[in-house]
Amino acid sequence: MDVTCEVVGEGTETLALDDDATYADVCRATGYSPHEVTVLVDGAPVPEDAPVEANELKVLRLIKGG
């Protein structure tokens, strides 16, 4: 399945995911650990172990520093 993913502050990309992908798989596909980001669907956070059911979502980095 193809999912449009906006990593907030970094841009938008289309991810090709397996049909049984979870939101944790989305995190990894964007290069982040599920502990570093949260996935938002329609502005609401979703559990990382839930199956991906949305065609468009946002990934929000929780920690950014240096």
Protein backbone atom coordinates (compact mmCIF):
# COMPACT_ATOMS: atom_id res chain seq x y z
CA MET A 1 0.00 0.00 0.00
CA ASP A 2 1.13 3.56 -0.64
CA VAL A 3 0.77 6.12 2.15
CA THR A 4 1.42 9.85 1.93
CA CYS A 5 3.46 10.81 4.97
CA GLU A 6 4.38 14.31 6.11
CA VAL A 7 7.28 14.44 8.53
CA VAL A 8 6.46 17.76 10.19
CA GLY A 9 9.15 20.31 9.42
CA GLU A 10 10.97 18.03 6.98
CA GLY A 11 8.65 17.43 4.03
CA THR A 12 6.25 14.94 2.52
CA GLU A 13 6.96 11.60 0.89
CA THR A 14 5.06 8.58 -0.35
CA LEU A 15 5.87 5.37 1.51
CA ALA A 16 5.39 1.90 0.01
CA LEU A 17 4.33 -0.32 2.92
CA ASP A 18 3.29 -3.95 3.27
CA ASP A 19 -0.45 -4.50 3.51
CA ASP A 20 -0.07 -5.64 7.15
CA ALA A 21 2.13 -2.67 8.19
CA THR A 22 1.71 -0.99 11.56
CA TYR A 23 2.30 2.63 12.49
CA ALA A 24 5.64 1.54 14.01
CA ASP A 25 6.60 0.42 10.49
CA VAL A 26 5.73 3.92 9.27
CA CYS A 27 8.11 5.38 11.86
CA ARG A 28 10.93 3.10 10.73
CA ALA A 29 10.24 3.82 7.05
CA THR A 30 10.80 7.53 7.75
CA GLY A 31 14.10 6.76 9.50
CA TYR A 32 12.91 7.18 13.08
CA SER A 33 12.30 4.88 16.01
CA PRO A 34 8.73 4.74 17.36
CA HIS A 35 10.23 6.20 20.57
CA GLU A 36 11.33 9.36 18.74
CA VAL A 37 8.11 10.23 16.95
CA THR A 38 4.35 9.93 17.12
CA VAL A 39 2.10 9.26 14.16
CA LEU A 40 -0.97 11.46 13.72
CA VAL A 41 -4.04 10.59 11.67
CA ASP A 42 -6.50 13.46 11.26
CA GLY A 43 -4.58 15.30 13.99
CA ALA A 44 -4.93 12.53 16.59
CA PRO A 45 -2.13 10.20 17.74
CA VAL A 46 -2.48 6.50 16.89
CA PRO A 47 -0.98 3.49 18.71
CA GLU A 48 2.25 2.27 17.15
CA ASP A 49 1.03 -1.34 17.09
CA ALA A 50 -2.21 -0.53 15.24
CA PRO A 51 -2.49 -1.51 11.56
CA VAL A 52 -2.14 1.34 9.08
CA GLU A 53 -5.62 2.27 7.85
CA ALA A 54 -5.03 5.83 6.65
CA ASN A 55 -3.81 6.99 3.25
CA GLU A 56 -2.44 10.27 4.64
CA LEU A 57 -0.71 10.84 7.96
CA LYS A 58 1.80 13.01 9.77
CA VAL A 59 4.88 12.02 11.74
CA LEU A 60 5.77 14.42 14.52
CA ARG A 61 9.24 14.32 16.09
CA LEU A 62 8.97 14.31 19.86
CA ILE A 63 12.56 15.13 20.70
CA LYS A 64 14.84 17.40 18.77
CA GLY A 65 18.00 18.74 20.19
CA GLY A 66 21.66 18.97 20.00
